[in-house]
C-alpha atoms as a PDB file:
ATOM      1  CA  UNK A   1      32.789  17.591   5.926  1.00  0.00           C
ATOM      2  CA  UNK A   2      35.499  14.997   6.608  1.00  0.00           C
ATOM      3  CA  UNK A   3      37.510  14.069   3.446  1.00  0.00           C
ATOM      4  CA  UNK A   4      36.501  10.288   3.710  1.00  0.00           C
ATOM      5  CA  UNK A   5      33.078  11.223   4.417  1.00  0.00           C
ATOM      6  CA  UNK A   6      31.767  11.348   1.176  1.00  0.00           C
ATOM      7  CA  UNK A   7      28.058  10.303  -0.263  1.00  0.00           C
ATOM      8  CA  UNK A   8      27.927   7.203  -2.245  1.00  0.00           C
ATOM      9  CA  UNK A   9      24.633   7.624  -3.871  1.00  0.00           C
ATOM     10  CA  UNK A  10      22.400  10.451  -5.101  1.00  0.00           C
ATOM     11  CA  UNK A  11      19.270  10.409  -3.566  1.00  0.00           C
ATOM     12  CA  UNK A  12      17.784  13.306  -5.242  1.00  0.00           C
ATOM     13  CA  UNK A  13      17.553  11.719  -8.922  1.00  0.00           C
ATOM     14  CA  UNK A  14      14.946   8.849  -9.378  1.00  0.00           C
ATOM     15  CA  UNK A  15      15.310   7.813 -13.087  1.00  0.00           C
ATOM     16  CA  UNK A  16      12.023   7.885 -15.190  1.00  0.00           C
ATOM     17  CA  UNK A  17      10.837   4.568 -16.540  1.00  0.00           C
ATOM     18  CA  UNK A  18       7.613   3.797 -18.284  1.00  0.00           C
ATOM     19  CA  UNK A  19       5.112   1.441 -15.958  1.00  0.00           C
ATOM     20  CA  UNK A  20       5.387  -2.009 -16.544  1.00  0.00           C
ATOM     21  CA  UNK A  21       1.885  -3.524 -16.427  1.00  0.00           C
ATOM     22  CA  UNK A  22       0.606  -7.059 -17.412  1.00  0.00           C
ATOM     23  CA  UNK A  23      -2.758  -9.106 -17.402  1.00  0.00           C
ATOM     24  CA  UNK A  24      -2.691 -12.311 -15.805  1.00  0.00           C
ATOM     25  CA  UNK A  25      -5.244 -15.029 -15.433  1.00  0.00           C
ATOM     26  CA  UNK A  26      -6.188 -16.259 -11.715  1.00  0.00           C
ATOM     27  CA  UNK A  27      -3.499 -18.673 -10.874  1.00  0.00           C
ATOM     28  CA  UNK A  28      -1.285 -17.869 -13.554  1.00  0.00           C
ATOM     29  CA  UNK A  29       2.736 -17.889 -12.877  1.00  0.00           C
ATOM     30  CA  UNK A  30       4.604 -15.454 -15.268  1.00  0.00           C
ATOM     31  CA  UNK A  31       8.042 -14.202 -15.381  1.00  0.00           C
ATOM     32  CA  UNK A  32       7.923 -10.249 -15.587  1.00  0.00           C
ATOM     33  CA  UNK A  33      11.312  -8.456 -17.186  1.00  0.00           C
ATOM     34  CA  UNK A  34      12.366  -5.325 -15.310  1.00  0.00           C
ATOM     35  CA  UNK A  35      13.844  -2.269 -16.653  1.00  0.00           C
ATOM     36  CA  UNK A  36      17.345  -3.288 -15.337  1.00  0.00           C
ATOM     37  CA  UNK A  37      16.869  -6.892 -17.078  1.00  0.00           C
ATOM     38  CA  UNK A  38      16.236  -8.874 -13.698  1.00  0.00           C
ATOM     39  CA  UNK A  39      13.190 -10.785 -13.442  1.00  0.00           C
ATOM     40  CA  UNK A  40      10.324 -11.098 -10.839  1.00  0.00           C
ATOM     41  CA  UNK A  41       8.129 -14.291 -10.821  1.00  0.00           C
ATOM     42  CA  UNK A  42       4.466 -13.235 -10.199  1.00  0.00           C
ATOM     43  CA  UNK A  43       1.687 -15.597  -9.258  1.00  0.00           C
ATOM     44  CA  UNK A  44      -1.653 -14.488  -9.256  1.00  0.00           C
ATOM     45  CA  UNK A  45      -3.881 -15.945  -6.586  1.00  0.00           C
ATOM     46  CA  UNK A  46      -6.874 -17.922  -7.891  1.00  0.00           C
ATOM     47  CA  UNK A  47     -10.469 -17.898  -6.420  1.00  0.00           C
ATOM     48  CA  UNK A  48      -9.889 -20.775  -4.412  1.00  0.00           C
ATOM     49  CA  UNK A  49      -7.608 -18.894  -2.077  1.00  0.00           C
ATOM     50  CA  UNK A  50      -9.127 -17.766   1.390  1.00  0.00           C
ATOM     51  CA  UNK A  51      -7.975 -14.143   2.164  1.00  0.00           C
ATOM     52  CA  UNK A  52      -9.605 -14.244   5.426  1.00  0.00           C
ATOM     53  CA  UNK A  53      -7.421 -16.568   6.941  1.00  0.00           C
ATOM     54  CA  UNK A  54      -3.985 -15.053   8.604  1.00  0.00           C
ATOM     55  CA  UNK A  55      -2.712 -18.535   8.705  1.00  0.00           C
ATOM     56  CA  UNK A  56      -3.193 -18.882   4.843  1.00  0.00           C
ATOM     57  CA  UNK A  57      -1.711 -15.654   4.256  1.00  0.00           C
ATOM     58  CA  UNK A  58       1.532 -16.653   6.177  1.00  0.00           C
ATOM     59  CA  UNK A  59       1.851 -20.038   4.623  1.00  0.00           C
ATOM     60  CA  UNK A  60       1.428 -18.449   1.132  1.00  0.00           C
ATOM     61  CA  UNK A  61       4.104 -16.141   1.605  1.00  0.00           C
ATOM     62  CA  UNK A  62       6.889 -18.412   2.603  1.00  0.00           C
ATOM     63  CA  UNK A  63       5.725 -20.969  -0.014  1.00  0.00           C
ATOM     64  CA  UNK A  64       6.312 -18.505  -2.747  1.00  0.00           C
ATOM     65  CA  UNK A  65       9.395 -16.910  -1.109  1.00  0.00           C
ATOM     66  CA  UNK A  66      10.845 -20.419  -1.207  1.00  0.00           C
ATOM     67  CA  UNK A  67       9.842 -20.922  -4.912  1.00  0.00           C
ATOM     68  CA  UNK A  68      11.286 -17.503  -5.799  1.00  0.00           C
ATOM     69  CA  UNK A  69       7.959 -16.189  -6.446  1.00  0.00           C
ATOM     70  CA  UNK A  70       5.600 -13.254  -5.461  1.00  0.00           C
ATOM     71  CA  UNK A  71       2.212 -13.599  -5.012  1.00  0.00           C
ATOM     72  CA  UNK A  72      -0.241 -10.925  -6.121  1.00  0.00           C
ATOM     73  CA  UNK A  73      -3.731 -10.232  -5.301  1.00  0.00           C
ATOM     74  CA  UNK A  74      -5.311  -9.711  -1.526  1.00  0.00           C
ATOM     75  CA  UNK A  75      -3.199 -11.755   0.594  1.00  0.00           C
ATOM     76  CA  UNK A  76      -5.114 -11.246   4.091  1.00  0.00           C
ATOM     77  CA  UNK A  77      -8.190  -8.997   4.837  1.00  0.00           C
ATOM     78  CA  UNK A  78      -9.924  -8.955   8.431  1.00  0.00           C
ATOM     79  CA  UNK A  79     -13.399  -8.561   7.406  1.00  0.00           C
ATOM     80  CA  UNK A  80     -14.762  -7.965  10.919  1.00  0.00           C
ATOM     81  CA  UNK A  81     -12.685  -5.234  11.234  1.00  0.00           C
ATOM     82  CA  UNK A  82     -14.177  -1.660  10.575  1.00  0.00           C
ATOM     83  CA  UNK A  83     -12.932   0.070   7.443  1.00  0.00           C
ATOM     84  CA  UNK A  84     -10.704   2.845   7.368  1.00  0.00           C
ATOM     85  CA  UNK A  85     -13.432   5.422   6.406  1.00  0.00           C
ATOM     86  CA  UNK A  86     -15.676   4.243   9.060  1.00  0.00           C
ATOM     87  CA  UNK A  87     -12.884   4.651  11.503  1.00  0.00           C
ATOM     88  CA  UNK A  88     -12.221   8.308  10.613  1.00  0.00           C
ATOM     89  CA  UNK A  89     -15.988   8.930  10.456  1.00  0.00           C
ATOM     90  CA  UNK A  90     -15.996  10.006   6.668  1.00  0.00           C
ATOM     91  CA  UNK A  91     -19.348  10.921   5.299  1.00  0.00           C
ATOM     92  CA  UNK A  92     -20.666   9.625   1.717  1.00  0.00           C
ATOM     93  CA  UNK A  93     -20.895  13.186   0.364  1.00  0.00           C
ATOM     94  CA  UNK A  94     -18.069  14.710  -1.409  1.00  0.00           C
ATOM     95  CA  UNK A  95     -16.398  17.453   1.212  1.00  0.00           C
ATOM     96  CA  UNK A  96     -17.201  20.311  -1.484  1.00  0.00           C
ATOM     97  CA  UNK A  97     -21.030  19.887  -1.181  1.00  0.00           C
ATOM     98  CA  UNK A  98     -20.841  19.933   2.741  1.00  0.00           C
ATOM     99  CA  UNK A  99     -21.774  23.135   4.527  1.00  0.00           C
ATOM    100  CA  UNK A 100     -19.099  24.970   6.655  1.00  0.00           C
ATOM    101  CA  UNK A 101     -20.715  24.117  10.094  1.00  0.00           C
ATOM    102  CA  UNK A 102     -19.931  20.581   9.299  1.00  0.00           C
ATOM    103  CA  UNK A 103     -16.192  20.887   7.675  1.00  0.00           C
ATOM    104  CA  UNK A 104     -15.054  23.993   9.907  1.00  0.00           C
ATOM    105  CA  UNK A 105     -14.297  22.758  13.746  1.00  0.00           C
ATOM    106  CA  UNK A 106     -15.404  24.819  16.271  1.00  0.00           C
ATOM    107  CA  UNK A 107     -13.327  27.673  17.919  1.00  0.00           C
ATOM    108  CA  UNK A 108     -12.795  25.533  21.057  1.00  0.00           C
ATOM    109  CA  UNK A 109     -10.932  23.010  18.996  1.00  0.00           C
ATOM    110  CA  UNK A 110      -8.832  25.631  17.663  1.00  0.00           C
ATOM    111  CA  UNK A 111      -7.604  26.653  21.134  1.00  0.00           C
ATOM    112  CA  UNK A 112      -7.011  23.201  21.888  1.00  0.00           C
ATOM    113  CA  UNK A 113      -4.506  22.798  19.311  1.00  0.00           C
ATOM    114  CA  UNK A 114      -3.199  26.315  19.730  1.00  0.00           C
ATOM    115  CA  UNK A 115      -2.659  25.581  23.527  1.00  0.00           C
ATOM    116  CA  UNK A 116      -0.818  22.208  22.606  1.00  0.00           C
ATOM    117  CA  UNK A 117       1.736  24.085  20.374  1.00  0.00           C
ATOM    118  CA  UNK A 118       2.650  26.381  23.049  1.00  0.00           C
END
């Protein structure tokens, strides 16, 4: 290690703080004091907001940023898109209740993985 090449931060230590949690009404703006004394201005979305519009989401982010606020709630959702569980082919039953024939891949799948690792 060179003499001038010294670390400036300890990255293995994260101080413990109590969680900050607040309850907010729809449309409410609230200043929240953080552990270091700084403040965060949170604005909770109200029911009139349409999260299915990407333009609304971008506009909202820009407007709240200009005001020094952070919007909370669901900013954007693509309702016609398959959800993550459907994309993965997940089943409704807990994995612990499924038979081994479903949860254990066949020998051919193991052989393909092993071949890729060679």
